[in-house]
Amino acid sequence: MKIERLSQDKIRIFLTFDDLTERGIQKDDMWREIPKVHELFSEMMDQAYSELGFDPSGPLAVEVFALPAQGMVVIVTRGKLDLYANSDSYDDHGAEEVYEMEVTLEQSDLVSYAFKDFEDLIQGARVINPLLMEGGTLFSYKGKYYLQLEPIDLEDSKYQALIAVLSEYGEAASVTRAVLEEYGKVIIADDAVKVLCHHFHA
């Protein structure tokens, strides 16, 4: 479990599938209201408080993104407490009311990887090029290159090879397509891997 602060009121938690398996949670359980998921969320909040000093009291908006072959990204945003919350009566509600969670769940088949260095991106593209028929969009955002692929028709062995190569040259990215389209810049809209290999062949 990896936790990082995005802003004063927002944190991002990256859960690997091993994190979930250790706690007896299946990927699909994250969509359900079950005690194990609540325990996991409490554990995440405890860790966020101890590591980052993030106080999870009050209303929380929770977004869960499923990343294929990588795990889950949970983004927690702390809302502003209303006037009643600051009064003494708020304490009477007890701990049960602390996590007012508004949960948004999104599942994406997009494989999304970030590359700090353009040369790493080129190297990775060359290796995965034979695995792909077509596809891929390349963005730039906050000083990194983001390659997003939809490997819909890949058989499992090729898919695992694709993830292994991308993990070697880049890092799994939790930035969503919507964020990249809105705040990033599209460098190559279609067939990004083929285009990169065509223009930057060895």
N, C-alpha and C. Protein backbone atom coordinates (compact mmCIF):
# COMPACT_ATOMS: atom_id res chain seq x y z
N MET A 1 0.86 -1.19 0.00
CA MET A 1 0.00 0.00 0.00
C MET A 1 0.89 1.24 0.00
N LYS A 2 0.66 2.09 -0.97
CA LYS A 2 1.48 3.30 -1.08
C LYS A 2 0.55 4.51 -1.00
N ILE A 3 0.89 5.45 -0.13
CA ILE A 3 0.02 6.62 0.06
C ILE A 3 0.81 7.89 -0.24
N GLU A 4 0.20 8.78 -1.00
CA GLU A 4 0.86 10.06 -1.26
C GLU A 4 -0.17 11.18 -1.17
N ARG A 5 0.31 12.33 -0.77
CA ARG A 5 -0.57 13.49 -0.65
C ARG A 5 -0.59 14.25 -1.96
N LEU A 6 -1.79 14.54 -2.46
CA LEU A 6 -1.93 15.31 -3.69
C LEU A 6 -2.14 16.79 -3.38
N SER A 7 -2.84 17.07 -2.28
CA SER A 7 -3.04 18.45 -1.82
C SER A 7 -3.39 18.37 -0.34
N GLN A 8 -3.68 19.50 0.25
CA GLN A 8 -3.98 19.51 1.68
C GLN A 8 -5.17 18.61 2.01
N ASP A 9 -6.15 18.57 1.11
CA ASP A 9 -7.37 17.82 1.39
C ASP A 9 -7.54 16.59 0.50
N LYS A 10 -6.47 16.17 -0.16
CA LYS A 10 -6.62 15.04 -1.09
C LYS A 10 -5.40 14.13 -1.01
N ILE A 11 -5.67 12.82 -0.93
CA ILE A 11 -4.57 11.85 -0.94
C ILE A 11 -4.89 10.78 -1.98
N ARG A 12 -3.82 10.10 -2.41
CA ARG A 12 -3.98 8.99 -3.36
C ARG A 12 -3.35 7.75 -2.74
N ILE A 13 -4.07 6.64 -2.79
CA ILE A 13 -3.59 5.39 -2.22
C ILE A 13 -3.52 4.37 -3.35
N PHE A 14 -2.38 3.73 -3.48
CA PHE A 14 -2.21 2.71 -4.52
C PHE A 14 -2.19 1.35 -3.84
N LEU A 15 -3.14 0.50 -4.19
CA LEU A 15 -3.24 -0.85 -3.63
C LEU A 15 -2.89 -1.86 -4.71
N THR A 16 -1.93 -2.73 -4.43
CA THR A 16 -1.65 -3.80 -5.38
C THR A 16 -2.67 -4.91 -5.15
N PHE A 17 -2.76 -5.83 -6.10
CA PHE A 17 -3.68 -6.95 -5.91
C PHE A 17 -3.21 -7.83 -4.74
N ASP A 18 -1.89 -7.81 -4.45
CA ASP A 18 -1.39 -8.54 -3.27
C ASP A 18 -1.95 -7.93 -1.99
N ASP A 19 -2.02 -6.60 -1.95
CA ASP A 19 -2.61 -5.93 -0.77
C ASP A 19 -4.03 -6.42 -0.53
N LEU A 20 -4.77 -6.57 -1.62
CA LEU A 20 -6.17 -7.01 -1.50
C LEU A 20 -6.24 -8.48 -1.10
N THR A 21 -5.42 -9.31 -1.76
CA THR A 21 -5.45 -10.75 -1.50
C THR A 21 -5.10 -11.06 -0.05
N GLU A 22 -4.10 -10.34 0.48
CA GLU A 22 -3.69 -10.54 1.88
C GLU A 22 -4.85 -10.33 2.85
N ARG A 23 -5.78 -9.49 2.46
CA ARG A 23 -6.91 -9.17 3.33
C ARG A 23 -8.17 -9.93 2.93
N GLY A 24 -8.00 -10.89 2.01
CA GLY A 24 -9.13 -11.71 1.61
C GLY A 24 -10.17 -10.94 0.80
N ILE A 25 -9.71 -9.91 0.09
CA ILE A 25 -10.63 -9.09 -0.70
C ILE A 25 -10.40 -9.34 -2.18
N GLN A 26 -11.47 -9.62 -2.89
CA GLN A 26 -11.41 -9.74 -4.35
C GLN A 26 -11.57 -8.35 -4.97
N LYS A 27 -11.11 -8.22 -6.21
CA LYS A 27 -11.21 -6.92 -6.88
C LYS A 27 -12.66 -6.42 -6.91
N ASP A 28 -13.59 -7.34 -7.20
CA ASP A 28 -14.99 -6.94 -7.30
C ASP A 28 -15.60 -6.55 -5.96
N ASP A 29 -14.95 -6.96 -4.86
CA ASP A 29 -15.48 -6.61 -3.53
C ASP A 29 -15.43 -5.10 -3.28
N MET A 30 -14.52 -4.42 -3.97
CA MET A 30 -14.38 -2.98 -3.75
C MET A 30 -15.65 -2.23 -4.15
N TRP A 31 -16.51 -2.91 -4.91
CA TRP A 31 -17.77 -2.31 -5.35
C TRP A 31 -18.89 -2.61 -4.36
N ARG A 32 -18.58 -3.34 -3.30
CA ARG A 32 -19.64 -3.80 -2.40
C ARG A 32 -19.47 -3.24 -1.00
N GLU A 33 -20.59 -3.13 -0.31
CA GLU A 33 -20.59 -2.67 1.08
C GLU A 33 -20.38 -3.88 1.98
N ILE A 34 -19.15 -4.24 2.25
CA ILE A 34 -18.91 -5.39 3.13
C ILE A 34 -17.89 -4.99 4.20
N PRO A 35 -17.93 -5.69 5.35
CA PRO A 35 -17.05 -5.32 6.47
C PRO A 35 -15.56 -5.30 6.11
N LYS A 36 -15.12 -6.26 5.28
CA LYS A 36 -13.69 -6.32 4.94
C LYS A 36 -13.22 -5.05 4.23
N VAL A 37 -14.09 -4.53 3.38
CA VAL A 37 -13.74 -3.31 2.65
C VAL A 37 -13.69 -2.12 3.61
N HIS A 38 -14.63 -2.08 4.55
CA HIS A 38 -14.62 -1.01 5.56
C HIS A 38 -13.37 -1.09 6.43
N GLU A 39 -12.97 -2.33 6.77
CA GLU A 39 -11.74 -2.51 7.56
C GLU A 39 -10.53 -2.02 6.78
N LEU A 40 -10.49 -2.35 5.49
CA LEU A 40 -9.39 -1.89 4.64
C LEU A 40 -9.37 -0.38 4.58
N PHE A 41 -10.54 0.23 4.43
CA PHE A 41 -10.60 1.69 4.35
C PHE A 41 -10.13 2.32 5.67
N SER A 42 -10.53 1.74 6.80
CA SER A 42 -10.08 2.25 8.11
C SER A 42 -8.57 2.14 8.23
N GLU A 43 -8.04 1.02 7.73
CA GLU A 43 -6.58 0.81 7.77
C GLU A 43 -5.88 1.86 6.91
N MET A 44 -6.44 2.13 5.73
CA MET A 44 -5.85 3.15 4.84
C MET A 44 -5.86 4.52 5.50
N MET A 45 -6.96 4.84 6.18
CA MET A 45 -7.08 6.15 6.82
C MET A 45 -6.12 6.27 8.00
N ASP A 46 -5.96 5.16 8.75
CA ASP A 46 -5.00 5.16 9.86
C ASP A 46 -3.58 5.40 9.35
N GLN A 47 -3.25 4.71 8.25
CA GLN A 47 -1.91 4.87 7.67
C GLN A 47 -1.72 6.27 7.11
N ALA A 48 -2.77 6.82 6.50
CA ALA A 48 -2.69 8.18 5.95
C ALA A 48 -2.46 9.19 7.07
N TYR A 49 -3.09 8.93 8.21
CA TYR A 49 -2.94 9.85 9.35
C TYR A 49 -1.52 9.73 9.93
N SER A 50 -1.03 8.49 10.09
CA SER A 50 0.29 8.32 10.71
C SER A 50 1.42 8.76 9.78
N GLU A 51 1.27 8.51 8.46
CA GLU A 51 2.35 8.85 7.52
C GLU A 51 2.30 10.31 7.08
N LEU A 52 1.09 10.81 6.84
CA LEU A 52 0.97 12.14 6.22
C LEU A 52 0.30 13.17 7.12
N GLY A 53 -0.24 12.71 8.27
CA GLY A 53 -0.98 13.63 9.12
C GLY A 53 -2.32 14.02 8.51
N PHE A 54 -2.84 13.16 7.63
CA PHE A 54 -4.12 13.44 6.96
C PHE A 54 -5.25 13.05 7.90
N ASP A 55 -6.03 14.03 8.31
CA ASP A 55 -7.13 13.79 9.25
C ASP A 55 -8.41 13.48 8.46
N PRO A 56 -8.91 12.23 8.56
CA PRO A 56 -10.05 11.85 7.73
C PRO A 56 -11.42 12.14 8.33
N SER A 57 -11.48 13.03 9.32
CA SER A 57 -12.79 13.31 9.90
C SER A 57 -13.62 14.18 8.95
N GLY A 58 -14.92 14.02 9.04
CA GLY A 58 -15.80 14.80 8.17
C GLY A 58 -16.16 14.05 6.90
N PRO A 59 -16.86 14.72 6.01
CA PRO A 59 -17.29 14.05 4.77
C PRO A 59 -16.11 13.78 3.85
N LEU A 60 -16.07 12.58 3.29
CA LEU A 60 -14.99 12.19 2.39
C LEU A 60 -15.58 11.74 1.06
N ALA A 61 -15.00 12.21 -0.01
CA ALA A 61 -15.35 11.70 -1.34
C ALA A 61 -14.28 10.69 -1.72
N VAL A 62 -14.70 9.48 -2.04
CA VAL A 62 -13.75 8.41 -2.33
C VAL A 62 -13.95 7.95 -3.77
N GLU A 63 -12.87 8.01 -4.56
CA GLU A 63 -12.93 7.52 -5.94
C GLU A 63 -12.04 6.29 -6.04
N VAL A 64 -12.55 5.22 -6.59
CA VAL A 64 -11.78 4.00 -6.74
C VAL A 64 -11.62 3.71 -8.22
N PHE A 65 -10.38 3.56 -8.65
CA PHE A 65 -10.09 3.24 -10.04
C PHE A 65 -9.41 1.88 -10.10
N ALA A 66 -9.96 0.97 -10.89
CA ALA A 66 -9.33 -0.33 -11.08
C ALA A 66 -8.38 -0.25 -12.26
N LEU A 67 -7.13 -0.62 -12.03
CA LEU A 67 -6.14 -0.62 -13.11
C LEU A 67 -5.84 -2.07 -13.47
N PRO A 68 -6.01 -2.45 -14.72
CA PRO A 68 -5.79 -3.85 -15.08
C PRO A 68 -4.35 -4.27 -14.80
N ALA A 69 -4.21 -5.45 -14.18
CA ALA A 69 -2.90 -6.07 -13.92
C ALA A 69 -2.04 -5.30 -12.94
N GLN A 70 -2.54 -4.20 -12.40
CA GLN A 70 -1.71 -3.40 -11.50
C GLN A 70 -2.30 -3.27 -10.10
N GLY A 71 -3.59 -3.11 -10.02
CA GLY A 71 -4.20 -2.95 -8.71
C GLY A 71 -5.29 -1.90 -8.72
N MET A 72 -5.42 -1.23 -7.60
CA MET A 72 -6.46 -0.22 -7.42
C MET A 72 -5.85 1.10 -6.99
N VAL A 73 -6.43 2.17 -7.48
CA VAL A 73 -6.07 3.49 -7.00
C VAL A 73 -7.29 4.07 -6.28
N VAL A 74 -7.07 4.52 -5.06
CA VAL A 74 -8.15 5.12 -4.28
C VAL A 74 -7.78 6.58 -4.02
N ILE A 75 -8.64 7.49 -4.47
CA ILE A 75 -8.39 8.91 -4.22
C ILE A 75 -9.42 9.40 -3.20
N VAL A 76 -8.92 9.94 -2.12
CA VAL A 76 -9.79 10.39 -1.03
C VAL A 76 -9.69 11.91 -0.92
N THR A 77 -10.83 12.57 -1.03
CA THR A 77 -10.87 14.03 -0.91
C THR A 77 -11.70 14.38 0.32
N ARG A 78 -11.12 15.20 1.17
CA ARG A 78 -11.80 15.62 2.40
C ARG A 78 -12.65 16.84 2.10
N GLY A 79 -13.95 16.72 2.40
CA GLY A 79 -14.85 17.85 2.18
C GLY A 79 -14.78 18.82 3.34
N LYS A 80 -15.40 19.95 3.16
CA LYS A 80 -15.44 20.95 4.23
C LYS A 80 -16.58 20.60 5.19
N LEU A 81 -16.28 20.68 6.46
CA LEU A 81 -17.31 20.39 7.47
C LEU A 81 -18.31 21.54 7.50
N ASP A 82 -19.58 21.19 7.70
CA ASP A 82 -20.57 22.26 7.80
C ASP A 82 -20.59 22.83 9.22
N LEU A 83 -21.44 23.81 9.44
CA LEU A 83 -21.45 24.51 10.73
C LEU A 83 -21.74 23.58 11.90
N TYR A 84 -22.66 22.63 11.66
CA TYR A 84 -23.02 21.73 12.75
C TYR A 84 -21.83 20.87 13.16
N ALA A 85 -21.00 20.56 12.19
CA ALA A 85 -19.88 19.67 12.48
C ALA A 85 -18.91 20.30 13.46
N ASN A 86 -18.88 21.61 13.50
CA ASN A 86 -17.94 22.28 14.40
C ASN A 86 -18.54 22.50 15.79
N SER A 87 -19.80 22.18 15.95
CA SER A 87 -20.43 22.37 17.26
C SER A 87 -20.20 21.14 18.12
N ASP A 88 -20.51 21.27 19.40
CA ASP A 88 -20.29 20.17 20.32
C ASP A 88 -21.13 18.95 19.97
N SER A 89 -22.29 19.20 19.35
CA SER A 89 -23.19 18.08 19.05
C SER A 89 -22.56 17.10 18.07
N TYR A 90 -21.56 17.56 17.32
CA TYR A 90 -20.93 16.68 16.33
C TYR A 90 -20.26 15.50 17.03
N ASP A 91 -19.68 15.77 18.20
CA ASP A 91 -18.98 14.71 18.93
C ASP A 91 -19.92 13.61 19.39
N ASP A 92 -21.19 13.93 19.56
CA ASP A 92 -22.15 12.96 20.06
C ASP A 92 -22.44 11.87 19.04
N HIS A 93 -22.15 12.15 17.78
CA HIS A 93 -22.43 11.15 16.75
C HIS A 93 -21.49 9.95 16.86
N GLY A 94 -20.36 10.17 17.47
CA GLY A 94 -19.40 9.08 17.64
C GLY A 94 -18.66 8.75 16.36
N ALA A 95 -17.81 7.74 16.45
CA ALA A 95 -16.93 7.40 15.34
C ALA A 95 -17.69 6.88 14.12
N GLU A 96 -18.88 6.35 14.33
CA GLU A 96 -19.65 5.79 13.23
C GLU A 96 -19.88 6.82 12.12
N GLU A 97 -20.02 8.06 12.50
CA GLU A 97 -20.38 9.10 11.53
C GLU A 97 -19.17 9.77 10.88
N VAL A 98 -17.98 9.38 11.33
CA VAL A 98 -16.80 10.10 10.87
C VAL A 98 -16.59 9.94 9.37
N TYR A 99 -16.71 8.71 8.88
CA TYR A 99 -16.50 8.50 7.45
C TYR A 99 -17.83 8.63 6.71
N GLU A 100 -18.13 9.83 6.29
CA GLU A 100 -19.31 10.00 5.43
C GLU A 100 -18.81 9.84 4.01
N MET A 101 -18.84 8.62 3.53
CA MET A 101 -18.20 8.36 2.26
C MET A 101 -19.15 8.49 1.07
N GLU A 102 -18.68 9.23 0.13
CA GLU A 102 -19.39 9.29 -1.15
C GLU A 102 -18.46 8.59 -2.13
N VAL A 103 -18.81 7.37 -2.48
CA VAL A 103 -17.88 6.53 -3.24
C VAL A 103 -18.23 6.52 -4.73
N THR A 104 -17.23 6.78 -5.53
CA THR A 104 -17.37 6.69 -6.99
C THR A 104 -16.45 5.59 -7.46
N LEU A 105 -16.98 4.68 -8.24
CA LEU A 105 -16.16 3.56 -8.72
C LEU A 105 -16.05 3.60 -10.23
N GLU A 106 -14.84 3.45 -10.69
CA GLU A 106 -14.63 3.41 -12.13
C GLU A 106 -13.70 2.27 -12.46
N GLN A 107 -14.07 1.52 -13.45
CA GLN A 107 -13.19 0.45 -13.90
C GLN A 107 -12.76 0.76 -15.32
N SER A 108 -11.48 0.62 -15.55
CA SER A 108 -10.98 0.95 -16.88
C SER A 108 -10.12 -0.19 -17.39
N ASP A 109 -10.27 -0.52 -18.65
CA ASP A 109 -9.40 -1.51 -19.26
C ASP A 109 -8.15 -0.85 -19.85
N LEU A 110 -8.09 0.46 -19.73
CA LEU A 110 -6.92 1.17 -20.25
C LEU A 110 -5.68 0.82 -19.45
N VAL A 111 -4.62 0.55 -20.16
CA VAL A 111 -3.31 0.40 -19.51
C VAL A 111 -2.64 1.75 -19.62
N SER A 112 -2.27 2.31 -18.48
CA SER A 112 -1.74 3.68 -18.46
C SER A 112 -0.38 3.71 -17.76
N TYR A 113 0.63 4.18 -18.48
CA TYR A 113 1.99 4.24 -17.90
C TYR A 113 2.61 5.60 -18.14
N ALA A 114 3.36 6.04 -17.14
CA ALA A 114 4.04 7.33 -17.22
C ALA A 114 5.54 7.12 -17.43
N PHE A 115 6.13 7.98 -18.23
CA PHE A 115 7.57 7.91 -18.52
C PHE A 115 8.18 9.27 -18.26
N LYS A 116 9.22 9.30 -17.41
CA LYS A 116 9.87 10.58 -17.11
C LYS A 116 10.77 11.00 -18.27
N ASP A 117 11.30 10.01 -18.95
CA ASP A 117 12.31 10.28 -19.98
C ASP A 117 11.79 9.81 -21.34
N PHE A 118 11.92 10.67 -22.35
CA PHE A 118 11.42 10.33 -23.69
C PHE A 118 12.13 9.11 -24.25
N GLU A 119 13.40 8.97 -23.93
CA GLU A 119 14.18 7.83 -24.44
C GLU A 119 13.64 6.51 -23.87
N ASP A 120 13.23 6.54 -22.60
CA ASP A 120 12.62 5.34 -22.00
C ASP A 120 11.33 4.98 -22.72
N LEU A 121 10.57 6.00 -23.06
CA LEU A 121 9.31 5.79 -23.79
C LEU A 121 9.59 5.12 -25.14
N ILE A 122 10.58 5.62 -25.86
CA ILE A 122 10.93 5.08 -27.18
C ILE A 122 11.37 3.62 -27.05
N GLN A 123 12.25 3.37 -26.06
CA GLN A 123 12.74 1.99 -25.86
C GLN A 123 11.59 1.04 -25.58
N GLY A 124 10.69 1.47 -24.67
CA GLY A 124 9.54 0.63 -24.33
C GLY A 124 8.64 0.40 -25.52
N ALA A 125 8.42 1.44 -26.32
CA ALA A 125 7.55 1.34 -27.50
C ALA A 125 8.12 0.33 -28.50
N ARG A 126 9.44 0.34 -28.66
CA ARG A 126 10.07 -0.60 -29.60
C ARG A 126 9.84 -2.05 -29.17
N VAL A 127 9.92 -2.28 -27.86
CA VAL A 127 9.79 -3.66 -27.37
C VAL A 127 8.35 -4.15 -27.47
N ILE A 128 7.39 -3.28 -27.17
CA ILE A 128 5.98 -3.73 -27.19
C ILE A 128 5.35 -3.66 -28.59
N ASN A 129 6.02 -2.98 -29.52
CA ASN A 129 5.45 -2.81 -30.86
C ASN A 129 5.03 -4.13 -31.51
N PRO A 130 5.85 -5.19 -31.44
CA PRO A 130 5.44 -6.46 -32.08
C PRO A 130 4.20 -7.09 -31.42
N LEU A 131 3.91 -6.71 -30.18
CA LEU A 131 2.76 -7.30 -29.48
C LEU A 131 1.44 -6.67 -29.90
N LEU A 132 1.51 -5.46 -30.42
CA LEU A 132 0.29 -4.69 -30.67
C LEU A 132 -0.02 -4.59 -32.16
N MET A 133 -1.29 -4.71 -32.48
CA MET A 133 -1.70 -4.49 -33.86
C MET A 133 -1.81 -3.00 -34.15
N GLU A 134 -2.38 -2.29 -33.20
CA GLU A 134 -2.60 -0.85 -33.38
C GLU A 134 -2.93 -0.26 -32.02
N GLY A 135 -3.16 1.04 -31.99
CA GLY A 135 -3.69 1.67 -30.77
C GLY A 135 -2.65 2.44 -29.98
N GLY A 136 -3.17 3.13 -28.99
CA GLY A 136 -2.32 3.90 -28.09
C GLY A 136 -2.45 5.39 -28.31
N THR A 137 -2.53 6.11 -27.21
CA THR A 137 -2.54 7.57 -27.24
C THR A 137 -1.43 8.07 -26.34
N LEU A 138 -0.70 9.07 -26.80
CA LEU A 138 0.40 9.62 -26.03
C LEU A 138 0.07 11.04 -25.60
N PHE A 139 0.19 11.29 -24.30
CA PHE A 139 -0.05 12.62 -23.73
C PHE A 139 1.22 13.12 -23.06
N SER A 140 1.30 14.44 -22.90
CA SER A 140 2.29 15.00 -21.97
C SER A 140 1.50 15.73 -20.89
N TYR A 141 1.98 15.56 -19.66
CA TYR A 141 1.26 16.14 -18.52
C TYR A 141 2.23 16.25 -17.35
N LYS A 142 2.37 17.46 -16.83
CA LYS A 142 3.24 17.73 -15.67
C LYS A 142 4.65 17.16 -15.84
N GLY A 143 5.21 17.38 -17.02
CA GLY A 143 6.61 17.01 -17.24
C GLY A 143 6.85 15.54 -17.51
N LYS A 144 5.79 14.77 -17.69
CA LYS A 144 5.97 13.34 -18.00
C LYS A 144 5.19 13.00 -19.26
N TYR A 145 5.56 11.87 -19.84
CA TYR A 145 4.83 11.34 -21.00
C TYR A 145 3.93 10.20 -20.53
N TYR A 146 2.70 10.24 -20.94
CA TYR A 146 1.74 9.21 -20.54
C TYR A 146 1.27 8.44 -21.77
N LEU A 147 1.51 7.15 -21.75
CA LEU A 147 1.07 6.28 -22.83
C LEU A 147 -0.13 5.47 -22.34
N GLN A 148 -1.24 5.57 -23.06
CA GLN A 148 -2.44 4.82 -22.69
C GLN A 148 -2.82 3.89 -23.84
N LEU A 149 -3.03 2.62 -23.49
CA LEU A 149 -3.33 1.59 -24.48
C LEU A 149 -4.62 0.87 -24.12
N GLU A 150 -5.30 0.38 -25.14
CA GLU A 150 -6.48 -0.47 -24.93
C GLU A 150 -6.17 -1.84 -25.52
N PRO A 151 -5.54 -2.71 -24.74
CA PRO A 151 -5.13 -4.00 -25.29
C PRO A 151 -6.28 -5.01 -25.27
N ILE A 152 -7.34 -4.71 -26.00
CA ILE A 152 -8.58 -5.48 -25.89
C ILE A 152 -8.40 -6.91 -26.37
N ASP A 153 -7.70 -7.09 -27.49
CA ASP A 153 -7.67 -8.41 -28.12
C ASP A 153 -6.42 -9.23 -27.79
N LEU A 154 -5.64 -8.78 -26.84
CA LEU A 154 -4.40 -9.51 -26.55
C LEU A 154 -4.69 -10.76 -25.74
N GLU A 155 -4.03 -11.85 -26.12
CA GLU A 155 -4.14 -13.04 -25.28
C GLU A 155 -3.34 -12.81 -24.00
N ASP A 156 -3.61 -13.63 -22.99
CA ASP A 156 -3.09 -13.36 -21.65
C ASP A 156 -1.57 -13.27 -21.60
N SER A 157 -0.87 -14.17 -22.29
CA SER A 157 0.60 -14.18 -22.22
C SER A 157 1.18 -12.90 -22.82
N LYS A 158 0.58 -12.44 -23.92
CA LYS A 158 1.05 -11.19 -24.54
C LYS A 158 0.73 -10.00 -23.63
N TYR A 159 -0.44 -10.08 -23.00
CA TYR A 159 -0.85 -8.98 -22.11
C TYR A 159 0.13 -8.86 -20.94
N GLN A 160 0.49 -10.00 -20.34
CA GLN A 160 1.43 -9.99 -19.21
C GLN A 160 2.80 -9.48 -19.66
N ALA A 161 3.20 -9.87 -20.88
CA ALA A 161 4.49 -9.40 -21.41
C ALA A 161 4.46 -7.88 -21.60
N LEU A 162 3.33 -7.38 -22.10
CA LEU A 162 3.15 -5.94 -22.31
C LEU A 162 3.31 -5.17 -20.99
N ILE A 163 2.62 -5.66 -19.95
CA ILE A 163 2.68 -5.01 -18.64
C ILE A 163 4.10 -5.06 -18.07
N ALA A 164 4.77 -6.21 -18.26
CA ALA A 164 6.13 -6.37 -17.74
C ALA A 164 7.08 -5.36 -18.38
N VAL A 165 6.97 -5.20 -19.70
CA VAL A 165 7.85 -4.26 -20.42
C VAL A 165 7.57 -2.82 -19.98
N LEU A 166 6.29 -2.47 -19.93
CA LEU A 166 5.94 -1.10 -19.55
C LEU A 166 6.39 -0.79 -18.13
N SER A 167 6.32 -1.79 -17.26
CA SER A 167 6.75 -1.58 -15.86
C SER A 167 8.26 -1.40 -15.77
N GLU A 168 8.97 -2.01 -16.73
CA GLU A 168 10.43 -1.89 -16.74
C GLU A 168 10.87 -0.48 -17.16
N TYR A 169 10.18 0.07 -18.15
CA TYR A 169 10.59 1.37 -18.68
C TYR A 169 9.84 2.56 -18.07
N GLY A 170 8.65 2.30 -17.57
CA GLY A 170 7.85 3.38 -16.99
C GLY A 170 7.26 2.97 -15.67
N GLU A 171 6.26 3.72 -15.22
CA GLU A 171 5.59 3.35 -13.97
C GLU A 171 4.08 3.45 -14.17
N ALA A 172 3.36 2.55 -13.51
CA ALA A 172 1.90 2.53 -13.63
C ALA A 172 1.35 3.89 -13.19
N ALA A 173 0.45 4.43 -13.98
CA ALA A 173 -0.07 5.78 -13.71
C ALA A 173 -1.53 5.70 -13.33
N SER A 174 -1.88 6.48 -12.31
CA SER A 174 -3.28 6.49 -11.87
C SER A 174 -4.04 7.70 -12.41
N VAL A 175 -3.38 8.49 -13.24
CA VAL A 175 -4.05 9.65 -13.83
C VAL A 175 -5.08 9.15 -14.85
N THR A 176 -6.29 9.63 -14.76
CA THR A 176 -7.35 9.13 -15.64
C THR A 176 -7.28 9.79 -17.02
N ARG A 177 -7.95 9.15 -17.95
CA ARG A 177 -8.01 9.67 -19.33
C ARG A 177 -8.63 11.07 -19.33
N ALA A 178 -9.66 11.25 -18.51
CA ALA A 178 -10.36 12.55 -18.47
C ALA A 178 -9.42 13.67 -18.04
N VAL A 179 -8.57 13.39 -17.05
CA VAL A 179 -7.62 14.40 -16.56
C VAL A 179 -6.60 14.73 -17.65
N LEU A 180 -6.09 13.69 -18.31
CA LEU A 180 -5.10 13.92 -19.37
C LEU A 180 -5.69 14.71 -20.53
N GLU A 181 -6.93 14.41 -20.87
CA GLU A 181 -7.56 15.13 -21.98
C GLU A 181 -7.85 16.57 -21.62
N GLU A 182 -8.15 16.81 -20.34
CA GLU A 182 -8.51 18.16 -19.94
C GLU A 182 -7.29 19.03 -19.63
N TYR A 183 -6.32 18.45 -18.93
CA TYR A 183 -5.18 19.26 -18.44
C TYR A 183 -3.87 18.96 -19.16
N GLY A 184 -3.81 17.81 -19.82
CA GLY A 184 -2.58 17.46 -20.52
C GLY A 184 -2.64 17.89 -21.98
N LYS A 185 -1.66 17.42 -22.73
CA LYS A 185 -1.59 17.76 -24.15
C LYS A 185 -1.45 16.46 -24.94
N VAL A 186 -2.30 16.30 -25.94
CA VAL A 186 -2.21 15.11 -26.79
C VAL A 186 -1.03 15.28 -27.75
N ILE A 187 -0.10 14.34 -27.71
CA ILE A 187 1.05 14.39 -28.62
C ILE A 187 0.78 13.51 -29.84
N ILE A 188 0.32 12.29 -29.59
CA ILE A 188 -0.07 11.40 -30.69
C ILE A 188 -1.44 10.82 -30.33
N ALA A 189 -2.44 11.13 -31.14
CA ALA A 189 -3.81 10.76 -30.80
C ALA A 189 -4.10 9.28 -31.08
N ASP A 190 -3.56 8.75 -32.17
CA ASP A 190 -3.87 7.37 -32.57
C ASP A 190 -2.60 6.59 -32.89
N ASP A 191 -2.65 5.29 -32.60
CA ASP A 191 -1.55 4.39 -32.93
C ASP A 191 -0.20 4.93 -32.47
N ALA A 192 -0.17 5.38 -31.22
CA ALA A 192 1.02 6.06 -30.70
C ALA A 192 2.28 5.19 -30.77
N VAL A 193 2.14 3.89 -30.46
CA VAL A 193 3.33 3.02 -30.45
C VAL A 193 3.90 2.88 -31.86
N LYS A 194 3.03 2.63 -32.84
CA LYS A 194 3.50 2.49 -34.23
C LYS A 194 4.13 3.78 -34.74
N VAL A 195 3.50 4.91 -34.41
CA VAL A 195 4.02 6.21 -34.86
C VAL A 195 5.40 6.48 -34.25
N LEU A 196 5.53 6.20 -32.96
CA LEU A 196 6.83 6.41 -32.29
C LEU A 196 7.91 5.55 -32.93
N CYS A 197 7.58 4.29 -33.19
CA CYS A 197 8.57 3.39 -33.77
C CYS A 197 8.92 3.78 -35.21
N HIS A 198 7.94 4.31 -35.91
CA HIS A 198 8.18 4.74 -37.29
C HIS A 198 9.13 5.94 -37.34
N HIS A 199 8.93 6.90 -36.44
CA HIS A 199 9.72 8.13 -36.47
C HIS A 199 11.04 8.01 -35.72
N PHE A 200 11.10 7.09 -34.77
CA PHE A 200 12.32 6.98 -33.95
C PHE A 200 12.88 5.57 -34.01
N HIS A 201 12.98 5.03 -35.21
CA HIS A 201 13.51 3.66 -35.31
C HIS A 201 15.01 3.68 -35.06
N ALA A 202 15.48 2.53 -34.62
CA ALA A 202 16.90 2.42 -34.25
C ALA A 202 17.81 2.53 -35.47
